[in-house]
PDB file of N, CA and C in Angstrom:
ATOM      1  N   MET A   1      69.893 142.911 165.935  1.00  0.00           N
ATOM      2  CA  MET A   1      70.185 143.921 166.662  1.00  0.00           C
ATOM      3  C   MET A   1      71.746 144.300 166.725  1.00  0.00           C
ATOM      4  N   LEU A   2      72.361 145.584 166.511  1.00  0.00           N
ATOM      5  CA  LEU A   2      73.504 145.640 166.595  1.00  0.00           C
ATOM      6  C   LEU A   2      73.905 145.989 167.950  1.00  0.00           C
ATOM      7  N   ALA A   3      75.138 145.401 168.278  1.00  0.00           N
ATOM      8  CA  ALA A   3      75.475 145.223 169.737  1.00  0.00           C
ATOM      9  C   ALA A   3      76.817 146.501 169.485  1.00  0.00           C
ATOM     10  N   ILE A   4      76.146 147.423 170.401  1.00  0.00           N
ATOM     11  CA  ILE A   4      77.543 148.555 170.466  1.00  0.00           C
ATOM     12  C   ILE A   4      78.200 148.888 171.751  1.00  0.00           C
ATOM     13  N   PRO A   5      79.246 148.632 172.103  1.00  0.00           N
ATOM     14  CA  PRO A   5      80.099 148.570 173.520  1.00  0.00           C
ATOM     15  C   PRO A   5      79.902 149.646 173.972  1.00  0.00           C
ATOM     16  N   ASP A   6      79.794 149.962 175.391  1.00  0.00           N
ATOM     17  CA  ASP A   6      79.677 151.255 176.059  1.00  0.00           C
ATOM     18  C   ASP A   6      80.807 152.082 175.553  1.00  0.00           C
ATOM     19  N   ASP A   7      81.934 151.657 175.670  1.00  0.00           N
ATOM     20  CA  ASP A   7      83.037 152.611 175.247  1.00  0.00           C
ATOM     21  C   ASP A   7      83.079 152.977 174.028  1.00  0.00           C
ATOM     22  N   ALA A   8      82.101 152.770 173.103  1.00  0.00           N
ATOM     23  CA  ALA A   8      81.972 153.313 171.644  1.00  0.00           C
ATOM     24  C   ALA A   8      81.337 154.458 171.631  1.00  0.00           C
ATOM     25  N   TRP A   9      80.547 154.970 172.582  1.00  0.00           N
ATOM     26  CA  TRP A   9      79.618 156.091 172.720  1.00  0.00           C
ATOM     27  C   TRP A   9      80.714 157.523 173.116  1.00  0.00           C
ATOM     28  N   TYR A  10      80.240 158.426 172.599  1.00  0.00           N
ATOM     29  CA  TYR A  10      80.766 159.708 173.094  1.00  0.00           C
ATOM     30  C   TYR A  10      79.962 160.917 172.799  1.00  0.00           C
ATOM     31  N   LYS A  11      80.085 162.035 173.601  1.00  0.00           N
ATOM     32  CA  LYS A  11      79.317 163.159 173.189  1.00  0.00           C
ATOM     33  C   LYS A  11      80.259 164.555 173.068  1.00  0.00           C
ATOM     34  N   SER A  12      79.631 165.257 172.641  1.00  0.00           N
ATOM     35  CA  SER A  12      80.257 166.677 172.471  1.00  0.00           C
ATOM     36  C   SER A  12      80.813 167.326 173.683  1.00  0.00           C
ATOM     37  N   SER A  13      81.899 167.790 173.563  1.00  0.00           N
ATOM     38  CA  SER A  13      82.524 168.463 175.057  1.00  0.00           C
ATOM     39  C   SER A  13      81.546 169.790 175.066  1.00  0.00           C
ATOM     40  N   ARG A  14      81.049 170.160 173.976  1.00  0.00           N
ATOM     41  CA  ARG A  14      79.961 171.390 174.288  1.00  0.00           C
ATOM     42  C   ARG A  14      78.653 171.011 174.955  1.00  0.00           C
ATOM     43  N   SER A  15      78.575 169.912 175.259  1.00  0.00           N
ATOM     44  CA  SER A  15      77.130 169.446 175.754  1.00  0.00           C
ATOM     45  C   SER A  15      77.513 169.371 177.337  1.00  0.00           C
ATOM     46  N   SER A  16      78.593 169.749 177.855  1.00  0.00           N
ATOM     47  CA  SER A  16      78.745 169.669 179.453  1.00  0.00           C
ATOM     48  C   SER A  16      77.930 170.427 180.209  1.00  0.00           C
ATOM     49  N   GLY A  17      77.073 169.648 181.124  1.00  0.00           N
ATOM     50  CA  GLY A  17      75.988 170.068 182.085  1.00  0.00           C
ATOM     51  C   GLY A  17      74.630 170.362 181.416  1.00  0.00           C
ATOM     52  N   ALA A  18      74.707 170.272 180.069  1.00  0.00           N
ATOM     53  CA  ALA A  18      73.212 170.117 179.493  1.00  0.00           C
ATOM     54  C   ALA A  18      72.319 169.274 179.922  1.00  0.00           C
ATOM     55  N   GLN A  19      70.831 169.293 179.901  1.00  0.00           N
ATOM     56  CA  GLN A  19      70.232 168.337 180.251  1.00  0.00           C
ATOM     57  C   GLN A  19      69.664 167.193 179.257  1.00  0.00           C
ATOM     58  N   ASN A  20      69.773 167.877 177.948  1.00  0.00           N
ATOM     59  CA  ASN A  20      69.245 167.176 176.982  1.00  0.00           C
ATOM     60  C   ASN A  20      70.387 166.732 175.726  1.00  0.00           C
ATOM     61  N   CYS A  21      71.119 165.952 175.989  1.00  0.00           N
ATOM     62  CA  CYS A  21      72.471 165.810 175.052  1.00  0.00           C
ATOM     63  C   CYS A  21      72.068 164.375 174.462  1.00  0.00           C
ATOM     64  N   VAL A  22      72.913 163.821 173.353  1.00  0.00           N
ATOM     65  CA  VAL A  22      73.116 162.816 172.503  1.00  0.00           C
ATOM     66  C   VAL A  22      74.355 162.364 172.713  1.00  0.00           C
ATOM     67  N   GLU A  23      74.389 161.177 172.560  1.00  0.00           N
ATOM     68  CA  GLU A  23      75.557 160.418 172.339  1.00  0.00           C
ATOM     69  C   GLU A  23      75.823 159.668 171.080  1.00  0.00           C
ATOM     70  N   VAL A  24      77.075 159.766 170.352  1.00  0.00           N
ATOM     71  CA  VAL A  24      77.228 159.138 169.167  1.00  0.00           C
ATOM     72  C   VAL A  24      78.032 158.000 169.243  1.00  0.00           C
ATOM     73  N   ALA A  25      78.070 157.018 168.289  1.00  0.00           N
ATOM     74  CA  ALA A  25      78.834 155.895 168.105  1.00  0.00           C
ATOM     75  C   ALA A  25      78.731 155.735 166.549  1.00  0.00           C
ATOM     76  N   ASN A  26      80.312 155.333 166.279  1.00  0.00           N
ATOM     77  CA  ASN A  26      80.324 155.124 164.889  1.00  0.00           C
ATOM     78  C   ASN A  26      80.711 153.985 164.376  1.00  0.00           C
ATOM     79  N   GLY A  27      80.603 153.263 163.365  1.00  0.00           N
ATOM     80  CA  GLY A  27      81.052 152.046 162.973  1.00  0.00           C
ATOM     81  C   GLY A  27      81.202 151.860 161.551  1.00  0.00           C
ATOM     82  N   PRO A  28      81.440 150.740 160.964  1.00  0.00           N
ATOM     83  CA  PRO A  28      81.765 150.708 159.386  1.00  0.00           C
ATOM     84  C   PRO A  28      80.421 150.951 158.750  1.00  0.00           C
ATOM     85  N   GLY A  29      80.082 152.071 158.032  1.00  0.00           N
ATOM     86  CA  GLY A  29      78.821 152.035 157.412  1.00  0.00           C
ATOM     87  C   GLY A  29      77.840 152.522 158.149  1.00  0.00           C
ATOM     88  N   TRP A  30      78.035 152.880 159.428  1.00  0.00           N
ATOM     89  CA  TRP A  30      76.921 153.417 160.269  1.00  0.00           C
ATOM     90  C   TRP A  30      77.273 154.368 161.279  1.00  0.00           C
ATOM     91  N   THR A  31      76.376 155.195 161.830  1.00  0.00           N
ATOM     92  CA  THR A  31      76.416 156.114 162.998  1.00  0.00           C
ATOM     93  C   THR A  31      75.217 155.997 164.018  1.00  0.00           C
ATOM     94  N   ALA A  32      75.304 155.678 165.091  1.00  0.00           N
ATOM     95  CA  ALA A  32      74.137 155.237 166.201  1.00  0.00           C
ATOM     96  C   ALA A  32      74.113 156.733 166.865  1.00  0.00           C
ATOM     97  N   VAL A  33      72.971 157.080 167.257  1.00  0.00           N
ATOM     98  CA  VAL A  33      72.543 158.272 168.162  1.00  0.00           C
ATOM     99  C   VAL A  33      71.868 157.558 169.179  1.00  0.00           C
ATOM    100  N   ARG A  34      71.897 158.118 170.802  1.00  0.00           N
ATOM    101  CA  ARG A  34      71.000 157.687 171.818  1.00  0.00           C
ATOM    102  C   ARG A  34      71.147 159.205 172.776  1.00  0.00           C
ATOM    103  N   HIS A  35      69.922 159.204 173.609  1.00  0.00           N
ATOM    104  CA  HIS A  35      69.837 160.038 174.563  1.00  0.00           C
ATOM    105  C   HIS A  35      71.104 159.789 175.544  1.00  0.00           C
ATOM    106  N   SER A  36      71.744 160.720 176.047  1.00  0.00           N
ATOM    107  CA  SER A  36      72.516 160.293 176.991  1.00  0.00           C
ATOM    108  C   SER A  36      72.139 160.294 178.380  1.00  0.00           C
ATOM    109  N   LYS A  37      71.048 160.620 178.631  1.00  0.00           N
ATOM    110  CA  LYS A  37      70.179 160.558 180.029  1.00  0.00           C
ATOM    111  C   LYS A  37      69.610 159.422 180.128  1.00  0.00           C
ATOM    112  N   HIS A  38      69.253 158.796 178.887  1.00  0.00           N
ATOM    113  CA  HIS A  38      68.493 157.405 178.990  1.00  0.00           C
ATOM    114  C   HIS A  38      69.309 156.267 177.966  1.00  0.00           C
ATOM    115  N   GLN A  39      70.329 156.060 178.500  1.00  0.00           N
ATOM    116  CA  GLN A  39      71.294 155.097 177.682  1.00  0.00           C
ATOM    117  C   GLN A  39      70.412 153.690 177.089  1.00  0.00           C
ATOM    118  N   ALA A  40      69.792 153.218 177.941  1.00  0.00           N
ATOM    119  CA  ALA A  40      69.051 152.146 177.737  1.00  0.00           C
ATOM    120  C   ALA A  40      67.779 152.240 176.840  1.00  0.00           C
ATOM    121  N   GLY A  41      67.629 153.445 176.530  1.00  0.00           N
ATOM    122  CA  GLY A  41      66.252 153.734 175.774  1.00  0.00           C
ATOM    123  C   GLY A  41      66.690 153.477 174.152  1.00  0.00           C
ATOM    124  N   PRO A  42      65.788 153.804 173.177  1.00  0.00           N
ATOM    125  CA  PRO A  42      65.806 153.596 171.739  1.00  0.00           C
ATOM    126  C   PRO A  42      67.430 154.192 171.237  1.00  0.00           C
ATOM    127  N   ILE A  43      67.758 153.617 170.256  1.00  0.00           N
ATOM    128  CA  ILE A  43      68.985 153.993 169.491  1.00  0.00           C
ATOM    129  C   ILE A  43      68.463 154.081 168.050  1.00  0.00           C
ATOM    130  N   LEU A  44      68.679 155.244 167.366  1.00  0.00           N
ATOM    131  CA  LEU A  44      68.688 155.466 166.115  1.00  0.00           C
ATOM    132  C   LEU A  44      69.783 155.308 165.206  1.00  0.00           C
ATOM    133  N   ILE A  45      69.873 154.382 164.310  1.00  0.00           N
ATOM    134  CA  ILE A  45      70.881 154.247 163.518  1.00  0.00           C
ATOM    135  C   ILE A  45      70.856 154.559 162.126  1.00  0.00           C
ATOM    136  N   PHE A  46      71.895 155.246 161.547  1.00  0.00           N
ATOM    137  CA  PHE A  46      71.859 155.942 160.342  1.00  0.00           C
ATOM    138  C   PHE A  46      72.933 155.375 159.393  1.00  0.00           C
ATOM    139  N   THR A  47      72.645 155.034 157.968  1.00  0.00           N
ATOM    140  CA  THR A  47      73.891 154.837 157.368  1.00  0.00           C
ATOM    141  C   THR A  47      74.654 155.991 157.192  1.00  0.00           C
ATOM    142  N   ASP A  48      75.900 155.895 156.442  1.00  0.00           N
ATOM    143  CA  ASP A  48      76.934 157.043 156.186  1.00  0.00           C
ATOM    144  C   ASP A  48      76.021 157.942 155.316  1.00  0.00           C
ATOM    145  N   GLY A  49      75.403 157.735 154.551  1.00  0.00           N
ATOM    146  CA  GLY A  49      74.647 158.527 153.407  1.00  0.00           C
ATOM    147  C   GLY A  49      73.921 159.725 154.106  1.00  0.00           C
ATOM    148  N   GLU A  50      72.952 158.783 155.322  1.00  0.00           N
ATOM    149  CA  GLU A  50      72.061 159.585 155.789  1.00  0.00           C
ATOM    150  C   GLU A  50      72.575 160.461 156.892  1.00  0.00           C
ATOM    151  N   TRP A  51      73.824 160.139 157.477  1.00  0.00           N
ATOM    152  CA  TRP A  51      74.641 161.075 158.556  1.00  0.00           C
ATOM    153  C   TRP A  51      74.951 162.066 157.809  1.00  0.00           C
ATOM    154  N   THR A  52      75.468 161.782 156.714  1.00  0.00           N
ATOM    155  CA  THR A  52      76.309 162.988 155.916  1.00  0.00           C
ATOM    156  C   THR A  52      75.169 164.067 155.640  1.00  0.00           C
ATOM    157  N   ALA A  53      74.187 163.475 155.185  1.00  0.00           N
ATOM    158  CA  ALA A  53      73.072 164.345 154.641  1.00  0.00           C
ATOM    159  C   ALA A  53      72.409 165.246 156.039  1.00  0.00           C
ATOM    160  N   PHE A  54      72.516 164.447 157.091  1.00  0.00           N
ATOM    161  CA  PHE A  54      72.259 165.430 158.353  1.00  0.00           C
ATOM    162  C   PHE A  54      73.226 166.454 158.640  1.00  0.00           C
ATOM    163  N   LEU A  55      74.183 166.156 158.587  1.00  0.00           N
ATOM    164  CA  LEU A  55      75.423 166.871 159.120  1.00  0.00           C
ATOM    165  C   LEU A  55      75.413 168.143 158.089  1.00  0.00           C
ATOM    166  N   GLU A  56      75.311 167.943 156.854  1.00  0.00           N
ATOM    167  CA  GLU A  56      75.087 169.004 155.954  1.00  0.00           C
ATOM    168  C   GLU A  56      74.092 169.994 155.979  1.00  0.00           C
ATOM    169  N   GLY A  57      72.836 169.307 156.620  1.00  0.00           N
ATOM    170  CA  GLY A  57      71.524 169.947 156.945  1.00  0.00           C
ATOM    171  C   GLY A  57      71.898 170.944 157.906  1.00  0.00           C
ATOM    172  N   VAL A  58      72.806 170.425 158.978  1.00  0.00           N
ATOM    173  CA  VAL A  58      72.931 171.305 160.305  1.00  0.00           C
ATOM    174  C   VAL A  58      73.840 172.341 159.705  1.00  0.00           C
ATOM    175  N   THR A  59      74.793 172.070 158.948  1.00  0.00           N
ATOM    176  CA  THR A  59      75.798 173.246 158.337  1.00  0.00           C
ATOM    177  C   THR A  59      75.098 174.364 157.795  1.00  0.00           C
ATOM    178  N   LEU A  60      73.981 174.017 156.997  1.00  0.00           N
ATOM    179  CA  LEU A  60      73.013 174.876 156.020  1.00  0.00           C
ATOM    180  C   LEU A  60      72.152 175.674 156.858  1.00  0.00           C
ATOM    181  N   GLY A  61      72.012 175.039 158.063  1.00  0.00           N
ATOM    182  CA  GLY A  61      71.159 175.910 159.052  1.00  0.00           C
ATOM    183  C   GLY A  61      69.696 175.489 158.508  1.00  0.00           C
ATOM    184  N   GLU A  62      69.424 174.274 158.071  1.00  0.00           N
ATOM    185  CA  GLU A  62      68.004 173.865 157.877  1.00  0.00           C
ATOM    186  C   GLU A  62      67.391 173.409 159.038  1.00  0.00           C
ATOM    187  N   PHE A  63      67.830 173.366 160.394  1.00  0.00           N
ATOM    188  CA  PHE A  63      67.067 172.741 161.377  1.00  0.00           C
ATOM    189  C   PHE A  63      67.087 174.098 162.202  1.00  0.00           C
ATOM    190  N   ASP A  64      67.452 175.341 161.975  1.00  0.00           N
ATOM    191  CA  ASP A  64      67.602 176.343 162.895  1.00  0.00           C
ATOM    192  C   ASP A  64      65.928 176.775 163.107  1.00  0.00           C
ATOM    193  N   SER A  65      65.706 177.348 164.100  1.00  0.00           N
ATOM    194  CA  SER A  65      64.457 177.801 164.680  1.00  0.00           C
ATOM    195  C   SER A  65      64.070 179.139 163.707  1.00  0.00           C
ATOM    196  N   LYS A  66      63.042 179.256 163.221  1.00  0.00           N
ATOM    197  CA  LYS A  66      62.910 180.389 162.463  1.00  0.00           C
ATOM    198  C   LYS A  66      62.017 181.296 163.258  1.00  0.00           C
TER     199      LYS A  66
END
């Protein structure tokens, strides 16, 4: 299991006051994501390639509601 220190996590400044936010941590070759309100819950870990593909999908609107 990857040990990620608490001070490695950050969330977007745009998530101020929102109820369902995520926090992100980065390391060499990986990006981790967790729910900001349930920090002890599950953590998703992505390779750099997976994270880049996700960000490209966001930029292209692939996850927008239709």
